[in-house]
PDB file of N, CA and C in Angstrom:
ATOM      1  N   MET A   1       4.344  10.700 -27.832  1.00  0.00           N
ATOM      2  CA  MET A   1       3.596   9.914 -26.880  1.00  0.00           C
ATOM      3  C   MET A   1       4.210   8.525 -26.789  1.00  0.00           C
ATOM      4  N   SER A   2       4.218   7.967 -25.601  1.00  0.00           N
ATOM      5  CA  SER A   2       4.787   6.644 -25.398  1.00  0.00           C
ATOM      6  C   SER A   2       3.857   5.568 -25.928  1.00  0.00           C
ATOM      7  N   ALA A   3       4.445   4.547 -26.474  1.00  0.00           N
ATOM      8  CA  ALA A   3       3.660   3.408 -26.951  1.00  0.00           C
ATOM      9  C   ALA A   3       3.284   2.528 -25.760  1.00  0.00           C
ATOM     10  N   GLU A   4       2.204   1.816 -25.893  1.00  0.00           N
ATOM     11  CA  GLU A   4       1.806   0.888 -24.836  1.00  0.00           C
ATOM     12  C   GLU A   4       2.712  -0.329 -24.891  1.00  0.00           C
ATOM     13  N   HIS A   5       3.047  -0.845 -23.718  1.00  0.00           N
ATOM     14  CA  HIS A   5       3.909  -2.023 -23.621  1.00  0.00           C
ATOM     15  C   HIS A   5       3.211  -3.085 -22.784  1.00  0.00           C
ATOM     16  N   TYR A   6       3.289  -4.323 -23.254  1.00  0.00           N
ATOM     17  CA  TYR A   6       2.681  -5.444 -22.555  1.00  0.00           C
ATOM     18  C   TYR A   6       3.706  -6.561 -22.419  1.00  0.00           C
ATOM     19  N   LEU A   7       3.568  -7.337 -21.354  1.00  0.00           N
ATOM     20  CA  LEU A   7       4.384  -8.537 -21.133  1.00  0.00           C
ATOM     21  C   LEU A   7       3.461  -9.666 -20.717  1.00  0.00           C
ATOM     22  N   ASN A   8       3.882 -10.877 -20.973  1.00  0.00           N
ATOM     23  CA  ASN A   8       3.125 -12.032 -20.525  1.00  0.00           C
ATOM     24  C   ASN A   8       3.841 -12.651 -19.329  1.00  0.00           C
ATOM     25  N   HIS A   9       3.185 -12.621 -18.174  1.00  0.00           N
ATOM     26  CA  HIS A   9       3.727 -13.230 -16.959  1.00  0.00           C
ATOM     27  C   HIS A   9       3.341 -14.699 -16.970  1.00  0.00           C
ATOM     28  N   PRO A  10       4.266 -15.588 -16.569  1.00  0.00           N
ATOM     29  CA  PRO A  10       3.967 -17.028 -16.638  1.00  0.00           C
ATOM     30  C   PRO A  10       2.785 -17.470 -15.776  1.00  0.00           C
ATOM     31  N   THR A  11       2.489 -16.748 -14.694  1.00  0.00           N
ATOM     32  CA  THR A  11       1.394 -17.140 -13.812  1.00  0.00           C
ATOM     33  C   THR A  11       0.186 -16.216 -13.914  1.00  0.00           C
ATOM     34  N   PHE A  12       0.431 -14.913 -13.992  1.00  0.00           N
ATOM     35  CA  PHE A  12      -0.643 -13.935 -13.891  1.00  0.00           C
ATOM     36  C   PHE A  12      -1.123 -13.401 -15.226  1.00  0.00           C
ATOM     37  N   GLY A  13      -0.570 -13.890 -16.315  1.00  0.00           N
ATOM     38  CA  GLY A  13      -1.048 -13.493 -17.635  1.00  0.00           C
ATOM     39  C   GLY A  13      -0.522 -12.152 -18.099  1.00  0.00           C
ATOM     40  N   LEU A  14      -1.352 -11.442 -18.825  1.00  0.00           N
ATOM     41  CA  LEU A  14      -0.927 -10.212 -19.479  1.00  0.00           C
ATOM     42  C   LEU A  14      -0.746  -9.075 -18.472  1.00  0.00           C
ATOM     43  N   LEU A  15       0.398  -8.396 -18.585  1.00  0.00           N
ATOM     44  CA  LEU A  15       0.714  -7.235 -17.765  1.00  0.00           C
ATOM     45  C   LEU A  15       0.863  -6.033 -18.693  1.00  0.00           C
ATOM     46  N   TYR A  16       0.513  -4.846 -18.194  1.00  0.00           N
ATOM     47  CA  TYR A  16       0.737  -3.630 -18.975  1.00  0.00           C
ATOM     48  C   TYR A  16       1.648  -2.682 -18.201  1.00  0.00           C
ATOM     49  N   ARG A  17       2.431  -1.894 -18.938  1.00  0.00           N
ATOM     50  CA  ARG A  17       3.379  -0.985 -18.303  1.00  0.00           C
ATOM     51  C   ARG A  17       2.651   0.230 -17.767  1.00  0.00           C
ATOM     52  N   VAL A  18       2.886   0.492 -16.489  1.00  0.00           N
ATOM     53  CA  VAL A  18       2.272   1.623 -15.804  1.00  0.00           C
ATOM     54  C   VAL A  18       3.234   2.813 -15.761  1.00  0.00           C
ATOM     55  N   ALA A  19       4.536   2.531 -15.562  1.00  0.00           N
ATOM     56  CA  ALA A  19       5.515   3.612 -15.446  1.00  0.00           C
ATOM     57  C   ALA A  19       6.913   3.073 -15.679  1.00  0.00           C
ATOM     58  N   GLN A  20       7.786   3.975 -16.075  1.00  0.00           N
ATOM     59  CA  GLN A  20       9.199   3.630 -16.154  1.00  0.00           C
ATOM     60  C   GLN A  20       9.764   3.765 -14.753  1.00  0.00           C
ATOM     61  N   ALA A  21      10.654   2.860 -14.383  1.00  0.00           N
ATOM     62  CA  ALA A  21      11.215   2.892 -13.038  1.00  0.00           C
ATOM     63  C   ALA A  21      12.707   3.191 -13.053  1.00  0.00           C
ATOM     64  N   GLY A  22      13.263   3.439 -14.224  1.00  0.00           N
ATOM     65  CA  GLY A  22      14.678   3.771 -14.323  1.00  0.00           C
ATOM     66  C   GLY A  22      15.561   2.542 -14.274  1.00  0.00           C
ATOM     67  N   GLU A  23      16.811   2.717 -14.678  1.00  0.00           N
ATOM     68  CA  GLU A  23      17.816   1.651 -14.635  1.00  0.00           C
ATOM     69  C   GLU A  23      17.366   0.382 -15.361  1.00  0.00           C
ATOM     70  N   GLY A  24      16.690   0.536 -16.483  1.00  0.00           N
ATOM     71  CA  GLY A  24      16.250  -0.627 -17.253  1.00  0.00           C
ATOM     72  C   GLY A  24      15.107  -1.398 -16.634  1.00  0.00           C
ATOM     73  N   ARG A  25      14.391  -0.761 -15.730  1.00  0.00           N
ATOM     74  CA  ARG A  25      13.255  -1.406 -15.064  1.00  0.00           C
ATOM     75  C   ARG A  25      11.988  -0.626 -15.362  1.00  0.00           C
ATOM     76  N   ASP A  26      10.877  -1.343 -15.361  1.00  0.00           N
ATOM     77  CA  ASP A  26       9.570  -0.722 -15.570  1.00  0.00           C
ATOM     78  C   ASP A  26       8.572  -1.303 -14.578  1.00  0.00           C
ATOM     79  N   LEU A  27       7.560  -0.520 -14.257  1.00  0.00           N
ATOM     80  CA  LEU A  27       6.490  -0.952 -13.370  1.00  0.00           C
ATOM     81  C   LEU A  27       5.335  -1.454 -14.226  1.00  0.00           C
ATOM     82  N   TYR A  28       4.906  -2.672 -13.965  1.00  0.00           N
ATOM     83  CA  TYR A  28       3.795  -3.292 -14.700  1.00  0.00           C
ATOM     84  C   TYR A  28       2.692  -3.687 -13.717  1.00  0.00           C
ATOM     85  N   ALA A  29       1.466  -3.733 -14.221  1.00  0.00           N
ATOM     86  CA  ALA A  29       0.314  -4.183 -13.434  1.00  0.00           C
ATOM     87  C   ALA A  29      -0.411  -5.263 -14.217  1.00  0.00           C
ATOM     88  N   THR A  30      -1.117  -6.115 -13.487  1.00  0.00           N
ATOM     89  CA  THR A  30      -1.916  -7.130 -14.160  1.00  0.00           C
ATOM     90  C   THR A  30      -3.025  -6.423 -14.937  1.00  0.00           C
ATOM     91  N   LEU A  31      -3.313  -6.901 -16.110  1.00  0.00           N
ATOM     92  CA  LEU A  31      -4.264  -6.233 -16.995  1.00  0.00           C
ATOM     93  C   LEU A  31      -5.685  -6.285 -16.444  1.00  0.00           C
ATOM     94  N   TYR A  32      -6.085  -7.396 -15.893  1.00  0.00           N
ATOM     95  CA  TYR A  32      -7.478  -7.557 -15.487  1.00  0.00           C
ATOM     96  C   TYR A  32      -7.728  -7.187 -14.037  1.00  0.00           C
ATOM     97  N   ALA A  33      -6.901  -7.646 -13.109  1.00  0.00           N
ATOM     98  CA  ALA A  33      -7.119  -7.342 -11.703  1.00  0.00           C
ATOM     99  C   ALA A  33      -6.683  -5.919 -11.372  1.00  0.00           C
ATOM    100  N   GLN A  34      -5.631  -5.430 -11.997  1.00  0.00           N
ATOM    101  CA  GLN A  34      -5.063  -4.103 -11.814  1.00  0.00           C
ATOM    102  C   GLN A  34      -4.723  -3.782 -10.365  1.00  0.00           C
ATOM    103  N   ARG A  35      -4.485  -4.773  -9.578  1.00  0.00           N
ATOM    104  CA  ARG A  35      -4.079  -4.541  -8.198  1.00  0.00           C
ATOM    105  C   ARG A  35      -2.833  -5.351  -7.833  1.00  0.00           C
ATOM    106  N   MET A  36      -2.262  -6.019  -8.808  1.00  0.00           N
ATOM    107  CA  MET A  36      -1.003  -6.718  -8.598  1.00  0.00           C
ATOM    108  C   MET A  36       0.036  -6.000  -9.434  1.00  0.00           C
ATOM    109  N   PHE A  37       1.124  -5.615  -8.782  1.00  0.00           N
ATOM    110  CA  PHE A  37       2.149  -4.830  -9.453  1.00  0.00           C
ATOM    111  C   PHE A  37       3.477  -5.553  -9.424  1.00  0.00           C
ATOM    112  N   PHE A  38       4.240  -5.361 -10.495  1.00  0.00           N
ATOM    113  CA  PHE A  38       5.531  -6.015 -10.641  1.00  0.00           C
ATOM    114  C   PHE A  38       6.557  -5.004 -11.123  1.00  0.00           C
ATOM    115  N   LEU A  39       7.731  -5.038 -10.509  1.00  0.00           N
ATOM    116  CA  LEU A  39       8.871  -4.298 -11.015  1.00  0.00           C
ATOM    117  C   LEU A  39       9.606  -5.273 -11.920  1.00  0.00           C
ATOM    118  N   VAL A  40       9.667  -4.960 -13.202  1.00  0.00           N
ATOM    119  CA  VAL A  40      10.193  -5.889 -14.203  1.00  0.00           C
ATOM    120  C   VAL A  40      11.526  -5.369 -14.731  1.00  0.00           C
ATOM    121  N   THR A  41      12.520  -6.237 -14.691  1.00  0.00           N
ATOM    122  CA  THR A  41      13.823  -5.945 -15.274  1.00  0.00           C
ATOM    123  C   THR A  41      14.000  -6.873 -16.462  1.00  0.00           C
ATOM    124  N   LEU A  42      14.099  -6.294 -17.657  1.00  0.00           N
ATOM    125  CA  LEU A  42      14.308  -7.096 -18.855  1.00  0.00           C
ATOM    126  C   LEU A  42      15.806  -7.346 -19.022  1.00  0.00           C
ATOM    127  N   GLN A  43      16.139  -8.605 -19.235  1.00  0.00           N
ATOM    128  CA  GLN A  43      17.528  -9.018 -19.397  1.00  0.00           C
ATOM    129  C   GLN A  43      17.646  -9.828 -20.678  1.00  0.00           C
ATOM    130  N   ALA A  44      18.865 -10.044 -21.104  1.00  0.00           N
ATOM    131  CA  ALA A  44      19.086 -10.825 -22.326  1.00  0.00           C
ATOM    132  C   ALA A  44      18.529 -12.240 -22.184  1.00  0.00           C
ATOM    133  N   ARG A  45      18.551 -12.781 -20.973  1.00  0.00           N
ATOM    134  CA  ARG A  45      18.075 -14.155 -20.747  1.00  0.00           C
ATOM    135  C   ARG A  45      16.593 -14.234 -20.449  1.00  0.00           C
ATOM    136  N   GLY A  46      15.920 -13.105 -20.358  1.00  0.00           N
ATOM    137  CA  GLY A  46      14.499 -13.116 -20.035  1.00  0.00           C
ATOM    138  C   GLY A  46      14.139 -11.932 -19.171  1.00  0.00           C
ATOM    139  N   ALA A  47      13.114 -12.077 -18.367  1.00  0.00           N
ATOM    140  CA  ALA A  47      12.646 -10.996 -17.511  1.00  0.00           C
ATOM    141  C   ALA A  47      12.659 -11.442 -16.058  1.00  0.00           C
ATOM    142  N   GLN A  48      12.956 -10.494 -15.189  1.00  0.00           N
ATOM    143  CA  GLN A  48      12.918 -10.747 -13.757  1.00  0.00           C
ATOM    144  C   GLN A  48      11.725  -9.976 -13.192  1.00  0.00           C
ATOM    145  N   PHE A  49      10.829 -10.667 -12.481  1.00  0.00           N
ATOM    146  CA  PHE A  49       9.621 -10.070 -11.929  1.00  0.00           C
ATOM    147  C   PHE A  49       9.750  -9.968 -10.417  1.00  0.00           C
ATOM    148  N   GLU A  50       9.546  -8.767  -9.889  1.00  0.00           N
ATOM    149  CA  GLU A  50       9.554  -8.550  -8.446  1.00  0.00           C
ATOM    150  C   GLU A  50       8.191  -7.988  -8.059  1.00  0.00           C
ATOM    151  N   VAL A  51       7.472  -8.661  -7.168  1.00  0.00           N
ATOM    152  CA  VAL A  51       6.148  -8.218  -6.747  1.00  0.00           C
ATOM    153  C   VAL A  51       6.293  -6.980  -5.861  1.00  0.00           C
ATOM    154  N   LEU A  52       5.436  -5.990  -6.110  1.00  0.00           N
ATOM    155  CA  LEU A  52       5.445  -4.770  -5.310  1.00  0.00           C
ATOM    156  C   LEU A  52       4.084  -4.538  -4.679  1.00  0.00           C
ATOM    157  N   PRO A  53       4.059  -4.059  -3.438  1.00  0.00           N
ATOM    158  CA  PRO A  53       2.784  -3.663  -2.835  1.00  0.00           C
ATOM    159  C   PRO A  53       2.224  -2.429  -3.541  1.00  0.00           C
ATOM    160  N   LEU A  54       0.934  -2.225  -3.426  1.00  0.00           N
ATOM    161  CA  LEU A  54       0.242  -1.124  -4.083  1.00  0.00           C
ATOM    162  C   LEU A  54       0.891   0.224  -3.788  1.00  0.00           C
ATOM    163  N   MET A  55       1.161   0.520  -2.546  1.00  0.00           N
ATOM    164  CA  MET A  55       1.696   1.842  -2.199  1.00  0.00           C
ATOM    165  C   MET A  55       3.100   2.053  -2.753  1.00  0.00           C
ATOM    166  N   ASP A  56       3.916   1.022  -2.796  1.00  0.00           N
ATOM    167  CA  ASP A  56       5.250   1.142  -3.401  1.00  0.00           C
ATOM    168  C   ASP A  56       5.126   1.387  -4.908  1.00  0.00           C
ATOM    169  N   ALA A  57       4.196   0.696  -5.535  1.00  0.00           N
ATOM    170  CA  ALA A  57       3.972   0.872  -6.967  1.00  0.00           C
ATOM    171  C   ALA A  57       3.471   2.285  -7.243  1.00  0.00           C
ATOM    172  N   ARG A  58       2.572   2.754  -6.422  1.00  0.00           N
ATOM    173  CA  ARG A  58       2.053   4.119  -6.593  1.00  0.00           C
ATOM    174  C   ARG A  58       3.168   5.147  -6.439  1.00  0.00           C
ATOM    175  N   HIS A  59       4.045   4.945  -5.466  1.00  0.00           N
ATOM    176  CA  HIS A  59       5.159   5.860  -5.253  1.00  0.00           C
ATOM    177  C   HIS A  59       6.072   5.911  -6.483  1.00  0.00           C
ATOM    178  N   LEU A  60       6.402   4.745  -7.042  1.00  0.00           N
ATOM    179  CA  LEU A  60       7.231   4.711  -8.248  1.00  0.00           C
ATOM    180  C   LEU A  60       6.547   5.433  -9.414  1.00  0.00           C
ATOM    181  N   ALA A  61       5.251   5.213  -9.560  1.00  0.00           N
ATOM    182  CA  ALA A  61       4.511   5.860 -10.648  1.00  0.00           C
ATOM    183  C   ALA A  61       4.458   7.373 -10.442  1.00  0.00           C
ATOM    184  N   GLU A  62       4.310   7.818  -9.196  1.00  0.00           N
ATOM    185  CA  GLU A  62       4.311   9.256  -8.907  1.00  0.00           C
ATOM    186  C   GLU A  62       5.661   9.878  -9.249  1.00  0.00           C
ATOM    187  N   GLN A  63       6.742   9.169  -8.950  1.00  0.00           N
ATOM    188  CA  GLN A  63       8.079   9.658  -9.298  1.00  0.00           C
ATOM    189  C   GLN A  63       8.213   9.812 -10.811  1.00  0.00           C
ATOM    190  N   ASN A  64       7.737   8.831 -11.556  1.00  0.00           N
ATOM    191  CA  ASN A  64       7.789   8.893 -13.016  1.00  0.00           C
ATOM    192  C   ASN A  64       6.971  10.067 -13.537  1.00  0.00           C
ATOM    193  N   LEU A  65       5.804  10.275 -12.955  1.00  0.00           N
ATOM    194  CA  LEU A  65       4.937  11.373 -13.357  1.00  0.00           C
ATOM    195  C   LEU A  65       5.618  12.720 -13.097  1.00  0.00           C
ATOM    196  N   ALA A  66       6.217  12.867 -11.935  1.00  0.00           N
ATOM    197  CA  ALA A  66       6.922  14.110 -11.598  1.00  0.00           C
ATOM    198  C   ALA A  66       8.111  14.333 -12.528  1.00  0.00           C
ATOM    199  N   ARG A  67       8.835  13.268 -12.836  1.00  0.00           N
ATOM    200  CA  ARG A  67       9.992  13.370 -13.734  1.00  0.00           C
ATOM    201  C   ARG A  67       9.547  13.803 -15.136  1.00  0.00           C
ATOM    202  N   SER A  68       8.467  13.233 -15.637  1.00  0.00           N
ATOM    203  CA  SER A  68       7.995  13.603 -16.977  1.00  0.00           C
ATOM    204  C   SER A  68       7.512  15.046 -16.998  1.00  0.00           C
ATOM    205  N   ARG A  69       6.960  15.501 -15.909  1.00  0.00           N
ATOM    206  CA  ARG A  69       6.498  16.901 -15.832  1.00  0.00           C
ATOM    207  C   ARG A  69       7.686  17.857 -15.787  1.00  0.00           C
ATOM    208  N   ARG A  70       8.696  17.545 -14.985  1.00  0.00           N
ATOM    209  CA  ARG A  70       9.897  18.385 -14.888  1.00  0.00           C
ATOM    210  C   ARG A  70      10.633  18.469 -16.208  1.00  0.00           C
ATOM    211  N   ASP A  71      10.702  17.332 -16.906  1.00  0.00           N
ATOM    212  CA  ASP A  71      11.428  17.276 -18.173  1.00  0.00           C
ATOM    213  C   ASP A  71      10.662  17.936 -19.313  1.00  0.00           C
ATOM    214  N   GLY A  72       9.426  18.331 -19.060  1.00  0.00           N
ATOM    215  CA  GLY A  72       8.609  18.910 -20.118  1.00  0.00           C
ATOM    216  C   GLY A  72       8.281  17.882 -21.190  1.00  0.00           C
ATOM    217  N   SER A  73       8.239  16.624 -20.773  1.00  0.00           N
ATOM    218  CA  SER A  73       8.014  15.520 -21.698  1.00  0.00           C
ATOM    219  C   SER A  73       6.655  15.626 -22.385  1.00  0.00           C
ATOM    220  N   GLU A  74       6.657  15.346 -23.678  1.00  0.00           N
ATOM    221  CA  GLU A  74       5.399  15.325 -24.431  1.00  0.00           C
ATOM    222  C   GLU A  74       4.478  14.223 -23.939  1.00  0.00           C
ATOM    223  N   SER A  75       5.047  13.219 -23.327  1.00  0.00           N
ATOM    224  CA  SER A  75       4.247  12.082 -22.896  1.00  0.00           C
ATOM    225  C   SER A  75       3.664  12.274 -21.489  1.00  0.00           C
ATOM    226  N   HIS A  76       3.836  13.466 -20.896  1.00  0.00           N
ATOM    227  CA  HIS A  76       3.321  13.692 -19.542  1.00  0.00           C
ATOM    228  C   HIS A  76       1.812  13.426 -19.461  1.00  0.00           C
ATOM    229  N   ALA A  77       1.058  13.882 -20.442  1.00  0.00           N
ATOM    230  CA  ALA A  77      -0.393  13.667 -20.438  1.00  0.00           C
ATOM    231  C   ALA A  77      -0.715  12.175 -20.475  1.00  0.00           C
ATOM    232  N   HIS A  78       0.061  11.419 -21.252  1.00  0.00           N
ATOM    233  CA  HIS A  78      -0.137   9.967 -21.319  1.00  0.00           C
ATOM    234  C   HIS A  78       0.108   9.333 -19.954  1.00  0.00           C
ATOM    235  N   TRP A  79       1.237   9.694 -19.305  1.00  0.00           N
ATOM    236  CA  TRP A  79       1.557   9.111 -17.993  1.00  0.00           C
ATOM    237  C   TRP A  79       0.537   9.540 -16.948  1.00  0.00           C
ATOM    238  N   ARG A  80       0.041  10.780 -17.023  1.00  0.00           N
ATOM    239  CA  ARG A  80      -0.969  11.264 -16.074  1.00  0.00           C
ATOM    240  C   ARG A  80      -2.255  10.452 -16.230  1.00  0.00           C
ATOM    241  N   GLN A  81      -2.693  10.243 -17.449  1.00  0.00           N
ATOM    242  CA  GLN A  81      -3.903   9.467 -17.692  1.00  0.00           C
ATOM    243  C   GLN A  81      -3.737   8.034 -17.194  1.00  0.00           C
ATOM    244  N   LEU A  82      -2.598   7.438 -17.470  1.00  0.00           N
ATOM    245  CA  LEU A  82      -2.332   6.068 -17.029  1.00  0.00           C
ATOM    246  C   LEU A  82      -2.299   5.984 -15.509  1.00  0.00           C
ATOM    247  N   PHE A  83      -1.681   6.976 -14.869  1.00  0.00           N
ATOM    248  CA  PHE A  83      -1.634   7.014 -13.400  1.00  0.00           C
ATOM    249  C   PHE A  83      -3.051   7.094 -12.834  1.00  0.00           C
ATOM    250  N   ASP A  84      -3.855   8.009 -13.383  1.00  0.00           N
ATOM    251  CA  ASP A  84      -5.227   8.173 -12.884  1.00  0.00           C
ATOM    252  C   ASP A  84      -6.045   6.902 -13.078  1.00  0.00           C
ATOM    253  N   GLN A  85      -5.921   6.252 -14.219  1.00  0.00           N
ATOM    254  CA  GLN A  85      -6.661   5.016 -14.468  1.00  0.00           C
ATOM    255  C   GLN A  85      -6.243   3.906 -13.524  1.00  0.00           C
ATOM    256  N   THR A  86      -4.987   3.884 -13.156  1.00  0.00           N
ATOM    257  CA  THR A  86      -4.462   2.780 -12.359  1.00  0.00           C
ATOM    258  C   THR A  86      -4.656   2.984 -10.874  1.00  0.00           C
ATOM    259  N   PHE A  87      -4.442   4.201 -10.378  1.00  0.00           N
ATOM    260  CA  PHE A  87      -4.383   4.417  -8.935  1.00  0.00           C
ATOM    261  C   PHE A  87      -5.521   5.219  -8.346  1.00  0.00           C
ATOM    262  N   ILE A  88      -6.364   5.817  -9.184  1.00  0.00           N
ATOM    263  CA  ILE A  88      -7.448   6.641  -8.599  1.00  0.00           C
ATOM    264  C   ILE A  88      -8.779   5.992  -8.879  1.00  0.00           C
TER     265      ILE A  88
END
């Protein structure tokens, strides 16, 4: 099962990881509002935050969910639960 990941955004506070986005990027959402999404790229010098609209974030999370299901990943149930909590 995947561990929970959190980041601190300088303006919006605590973010939690919703899905992996590939290429060293992850999709994060604000912990409290849960309607602001960020595509985060972690770099040696820090993190780069890109704001994403809800539907784009949902699409990325759906791709991650489908990928974990195809791969037979043990963490599929975790990603499914996280997807349902975030988008449904």
